Protein backbone atom coordinates (compact mmCIF):
# COMPACT_ATOMS: atom_id res chain seq x y z
CA MET A 1 18.67 3.94 7.99
CA SER A 2 19.22 4.98 11.74
CA ASP A 3 21.66 2.82 14.23
CA ALA A 4 18.67 1.07 15.12
CA PHE A 5 18.90 -1.91 12.41
CA LYS A 6 22.37 -2.08 13.61
CA VAL A 7 21.75 -2.88 16.90
CA CYS A 8 18.87 -5.28 15.27
CA LYS A 9 20.89 -8.30 14.94
CA THR A 10 18.35 -10.43 13.09
CA VAL A 11 15.72 -10.27 10.90
CA LEU A 12 12.74 -12.02 9.28
CA VAL A 13 10.85 -11.29 6.70
CA THR A 14 8.11 -13.20 5.23
CA GLY A 15 6.95 -12.56 1.39
CA ALA A 16 10.57 -11.25 0.08
CA ASN A 17 10.02 -12.65 -3.31
CA ARG A 18 8.26 -9.70 -4.86
CA GLY A 19 6.60 -5.96 -3.65
CA LEU A 20 6.42 -4.68 -0.43
CA GLY A 21 8.97 -7.89 1.00
CA LEU A 22 11.26 -7.51 -1.61
CA GLN A 23 11.95 -3.97 -1.12
CA ILE A 24 12.45 -4.38 2.70
CA VAL A 25 14.97 -6.48 2.13
CA LYS A 26 16.21 -4.02 -0.63
CA ARG A 27 16.65 -0.96 1.67
CA LEU A 28 18.27 -2.82 4.76
CA VAL A 29 20.82 -3.59 3.43
CA THR A 30 21.21 -0.55 1.46
CA GLY A 31 20.37 1.57 4.32
CA GLY A 32 24.35 2.14 5.75
CA CYS A 33 22.75 -0.02 9.38
CA PHE A 34 21.81 -3.10 8.60
CA PRO A 35 20.90 -5.79 10.08
CA GLY A 36 23.60 -8.81 11.34
CA LYS A 37 21.65 -11.39 9.80
CA ILE A 38 18.25 -11.12 7.25
CA ILE A 39 16.48 -13.94 6.68
CA ALA A 40 13.85 -13.44 3.39
CA THR A 41 11.48 -15.74 3.06
CA ALA A 42 9.81 -17.31 -0.17
CA ARG A 43 7.25 -19.93 -1.42
CA ASN A 44 9.33 -20.47 -4.40
CA PRO A 45 12.82 -19.39 -3.24
CA ASP A 46 14.23 -20.57 -6.81
CA GLU A 47 11.80 -18.15 -8.84
CA ALA A 48 12.72 -15.30 -6.71
CA LYS A 49 15.70 -14.17 -8.85
CA GLU A 50 16.18 -10.58 -7.86
CA LEU A 51 16.74 -11.90 -4.24
CA GLN A 52 18.78 -14.50 -5.22
CA SER A 53 20.63 -11.92 -6.49
CA MET A 54 20.72 -9.66 -3.61
CA SER A 55 21.87 -12.73 -1.99
CA LYS A 56 25.09 -12.78 -3.59
CA ASP A 57 26.09 -9.35 -3.48
CA HIS A 58 24.90 -9.78 0.53
CA PRO A 59 26.24 -13.00 2.28
CA ASN A 60 24.01 -11.29 5.48
CA ILE A 61 21.06 -12.31 3.40
CA HIS A 62 19.30 -15.99 4.44
CA ILE A 63 17.18 -17.47 1.96
CA ILE A 64 14.78 -19.81 3.47
CA LYS A 65 11.49 -21.66 2.10
CA LEU A 66 7.91 -20.76 3.42
CA ASP A 67 4.59 -21.68 2.67
CA VAL A 68 2.61 -19.82 5.25
CA VAL A 69 -0.22 -21.76 4.87
CA SER A 70 1.47 -25.03 5.13
CA GLU A 71 2.01 -25.96 8.25
CA GLU A 72 5.07 -28.28 7.79
CA SER A 73 6.33 -25.60 5.58
CA ILE A 74 6.55 -23.58 8.65
CA LYS A 75 7.76 -25.70 11.08
CA LYS A 76 10.48 -26.32 8.91
CA ALA A 77 11.29 -22.65 8.70
CA ALA A 78 11.20 -22.14 12.00
CA VAL A 79 13.98 -24.56 12.43
CA GLU A 80 16.22 -23.32 9.88
CA VAL A 81 15.86 -19.65 11.26
CA GLU A 82 16.75 -21.08 14.82
CA GLN A 83 20.05 -22.83 13.09
CA ILE A 84 20.69 -18.82 11.58
CA VAL A 85 20.25 -17.08 14.44
CA GLN A 86 21.37 -19.16 17.32
CA LYS A 87 22.11 -17.38 20.86
CA ASP A 88 21.06 -14.12 19.50
CA GLY A 89 17.55 -15.08 18.40
CA LEU A 90 15.05 -13.24 16.44
CA ASN A 91 14.96 -9.97 17.15
CA CYS A 92 12.52 -8.34 14.04
CA LEU A 93 9.64 -10.67 12.47
CA ILE A 94 7.91 -8.88 9.90
CA ASN A 95 5.15 -10.90 8.68
CA ASN A 96 4.40 -9.24 5.57
CA ALA A 97 3.22 -12.14 3.76
CA GLY A 98 -0.79 -11.41 1.83
CA ILE A 99 -2.91 -12.13 -0.74
CA ASN A 100 -5.94 -10.00 -2.24
CA ILE A 101 -8.82 -11.95 -3.40
CA ILE A 102 -10.97 -9.73 -4.18
CA ALA A 103 -15.22 -10.26 -4.05
CA ASN A 104 -17.84 -8.14 -3.18
CA PHE A 105 -21.28 -9.28 -2.15
CA GLU A 106 -22.65 -10.33 -4.86
CA THR A 107 -19.10 -12.80 -5.46
CA VAL A 108 -17.98 -13.94 -2.35
CA THR A 109 -17.98 -17.36 -1.75
CA ALA A 110 -16.88 -19.30 1.41
CA GLU A 111 -14.08 -20.73 -0.32
CA LYS A 112 -12.60 -16.70 -1.18
CA MET A 113 -13.39 -15.65 2.27
CA LEU A 114 -11.64 -19.14 4.04
CA GLU A 115 -8.40 -18.54 1.53
CA ASN A 116 -7.44 -15.06 2.12
CA PHE A 117 -8.22 -15.94 6.28
CA HIS A 118 -5.69 -18.18 5.59
CA THR A 119 -2.71 -16.37 4.43
CA ASN A 120 -3.31 -13.49 5.58
CA SER A 121 -4.66 -14.23 9.25
CA VAL A 122 -3.76 -17.10 10.09
CA GLY A 123 -0.21 -17.69 8.69
CA PRO A 124 0.96 -15.05 10.68
CA LEU A 125 -0.36 -16.01 14.11
CA MET A 126 1.27 -19.18 13.46
CA ILE A 127 4.26 -18.23 12.17
CA THR A 128 4.63 -16.26 14.62
CA LYS A 129 4.03 -19.04 17.18
CA ALA A 130 6.84 -21.39 15.40
CA MET A 131 8.96 -18.26 15.42
CA LEU A 132 8.16 -17.75 19.50
CA PRO A 133 11.21 -19.68 21.21
CA MET A 134 13.64 -17.35 18.94
CA LEU A 135 11.56 -13.89 19.99
CA LYS A 136 12.07 -14.60 23.40
CA LEU A 137 15.71 -16.05 22.94
CA ALA A 138 16.32 -12.08 22.11
CA ALA A 139 14.02 -10.74 24.30
CA ALA A 140 16.12 -12.29 27.41
CA ASN A 141 19.23 -10.36 25.81
CA ALA A 142 17.92 -6.54 26.44
CA VAL A 143 15.69 -4.57 28.43
CA GLY A 144 12.47 -1.97 26.83
CA MET A 145 10.62 -2.50 24.03
CA GLY A 146 11.44 -2.20 20.77
CA ILE A 147 13.83 -3.80 17.81
CA HIS A 148 16.66 -3.62 19.81
CA ARG A 149 15.23 -6.39 22.01
CA ALA A 150 11.91 -8.50 20.17
CA ALA A 151 8.73 -7.24 17.88
CA VAL A 152 5.99 -8.44 16.30
CA ILE A 153 5.43 -6.25 12.80
CA ASN A 154 2.13 -7.54 10.74
CA MET A 155 1.41 -5.33 7.98
CA THR A 156 -1.74 -5.18 7.57
CA SER A 157 -4.58 -2.52 6.17
CA LEU A 158 -6.54 0.70 6.79
CA LEU A 159 -8.88 -1.27 4.81
CA GLY A 160 -9.22 -4.14 7.84
CA SER A 161 -10.23 -0.55 9.89
CA VAL A 162 -13.83 -0.79 10.94
CA GLU A 163 -14.37 2.20 11.50
CA LEU A 164 -13.36 3.68 8.62
CA ASN A 165 -15.82 1.47 6.77
CA TRP A 166 -18.37 3.59 6.50
CA GLY A 167 -20.30 6.68 4.81
CA GLU A 168 -18.05 7.52 1.99
CA ARG A 169 -14.93 5.28 2.19
CA ALA A 170 -17.10 2.50 2.23
CA LYS A 171 -18.62 2.90 -1.60
CA ASP A 172 -15.33 1.72 -2.93
CA PHE A 173 -12.98 -1.27 -2.41
CA LYS A 174 -15.98 -3.63 -1.25
CA TRP A 175 -13.27 -6.31 -0.57
CA TYR A 176 -15.19 -8.74 1.80
CA PRO A 177 -12.08 -11.62 1.83
CA TYR A 178 -9.08 -8.85 1.73
CA ARG A 179 -10.91 -6.48 4.19
CA THR A 180 -12.18 -8.97 6.89
CA SER A 181 -8.85 -10.98 6.49
CA LYS A 182 -6.88 -7.86 7.74
CA SER A 183 -9.40 -7.38 10.34
CA ALA A 184 -8.61 -10.69 11.65
CA LEU A 185 -5.36 -9.46 11.77
CA ASN A 186 -5.26 -6.49 13.69
CA MET A 187 -7.28 -8.38 16.03
CA ILE A 188 -4.67 -10.98 16.34
CA THR A 189 -1.62 -8.51 16.49
CA ARG A 190 -4.04 -6.51 19.79
CA CYS A 191 -4.06 -10.49 21.34
CA MET A 192 -0.71 -11.44 20.76
CA ALA A 193 0.24 -7.87 22.46
CA VAL A 194 -1.74 -8.82 25.52
CA ASP A 195 0.03 -12.21 25.01
CA LEU A 196 3.59 -11.23 24.71
CA GLU A 197 3.79 -8.46 26.46
CA ALA A 198 5.63 -10.39 29.69
CA ASP A 199 8.13 -11.49 27.46
CA GLY A 200 8.85 -7.93 26.56
CA ILE A 201 8.30 -8.35 22.67
CA LEU A 202 6.61 -5.67 21.27
CA CYS A 203 3.59 -6.06 19.07
CA VAL A 204 2.26 -3.38 15.87
CA ALA A 205 -0.07 -3.49 13.03
CA ILE A 206 1.51 -1.61 10.22
CA HIS A 207 -0.61 0.01 7.29
CA PRO A 208 2.04 0.24 4.17
CA GLY A 209 0.00 2.71 2.46
CA TRP A 210 -1.67 2.48 -1.13
CA VAL A 211 1.23 1.51 -2.64
CA ARG A 212 2.11 0.42 -6.51
CA THR A 213 2.46 -2.91 -6.59
CA ASP A 214 0.85 -6.20 -8.35
CA MET A 215 -1.67 -6.05 -5.67
CA GLY A 216 -2.02 -2.65 -5.29
CA GLY A 217 -2.63 -1.44 -8.74
CA PRO A 218 -0.61 1.24 -10.85
CA GLU A 219 -3.36 3.38 -9.79
CA ALA A 220 -1.86 3.77 -6.44
CA PRO A 221 0.10 6.90 -5.26
CA LEU A 222 2.53 5.65 -3.92
CA SER A 223 5.74 4.55 -4.72
CA ILE A 224 6.75 0.90 -3.30
CA GLU A 225 10.05 3.12 -2.38
CA GLU A 226 8.53 5.77 -0.39
CA SER A 227 6.31 3.27 1.44
CA ILE A 228 8.86 1.15 2.68
CA SER A 229 11.23 4.20 3.75
CA SER A 230 8.68 5.79 5.52
CA VAL A 231 7.47 1.96 7.59
CA LEU A 232 11.27 1.26 8.37
CA THR A 233 11.26 4.60 10.30
CA VAL A 234 8.35 3.62 11.85
CA ILE A 235 9.37 0.30 12.79
CA LYS A 236 12.99 1.75 13.38
CA GLY A 237 11.18 3.92 16.21
CA LEU A 238 9.18 1.75 17.69
CA ASN A 239 8.84 0.94 21.86
CA GLU A 240 6.54 0.57 24.78
CA LYS A 241 4.09 3.68 24.22
CA ASP A 242 3.47 1.81 20.58
CA HIS A 243 2.85 -1.75 21.83
CA GLY A 244 -0.31 -3.23 20.49
CA THR A 245 -1.27 0.02 18.22
CA PHE A 246 -2.37 -0.42 14.72
CA LEU A 247 -0.35 2.59 12.74
CA HIS A 248 -0.12 4.43 9.75
CA TYR A 249 3.35 3.73 7.65
CA THR A 250 3.32 7.40 8.95
CA GLY A 251 3.61 7.08 12.28
CA GLU A 252 0.34 8.32 13.43
CA ALA A 253 -2.55 6.04 15.10
CA LEU A 254 -5.39 4.46 12.84
CA PRO A 255 -9.08 3.59 14.56
CA TRP A 256 -9.76 0.01 14.76
């Protein structure tokens, strides 16, 4: 882990109780150059045993309760985050929490669409909006763009690419709720990039790869460790040229 995360005083990771979110926290605290404060959120913190265990060994991990589909929960979490970061503000928000409701054209329902959309698209938007005062505070303390200043990282998916969902590529993963929710998240990322550029807050959408998690399944080619190692390498190198982009975990640009 490079020095980029050492100068990043505060990081918030949603969905940190398992999978990619948990691995992000784990990698940050074992990488040698970790942020001053890592705020890890979970819908049910008491059940996040591995995260709780890590926080005992690393006092810079702060675990807070956050249900990404609850406005009340988001507001309460924002108050807690403000108390933790104080005058430093929030340098890096990683909107990682997400779900996959599998439904094809025959099985999809309005309820399934809305449930996936609420968690994967609306949730990150509302969380970013709630954390904006802290992001702006951090942005006021530095220049340029990147995690040393203020950044919003939305964990998205290549499956959200409209351009790539065609031909042979379109025959697998006919997941209407998930794919459209990630397309929406990509648009939200670009919209936020337009609105937050003047404040110096970098906004990027990153695809972590197809990973062997509960969501990705056992046949996925990437381990959690491989994915997050690459994702964090990309995040630590982000600057002005990456603002508003859709990136692969390798760092290359993906088509919208």
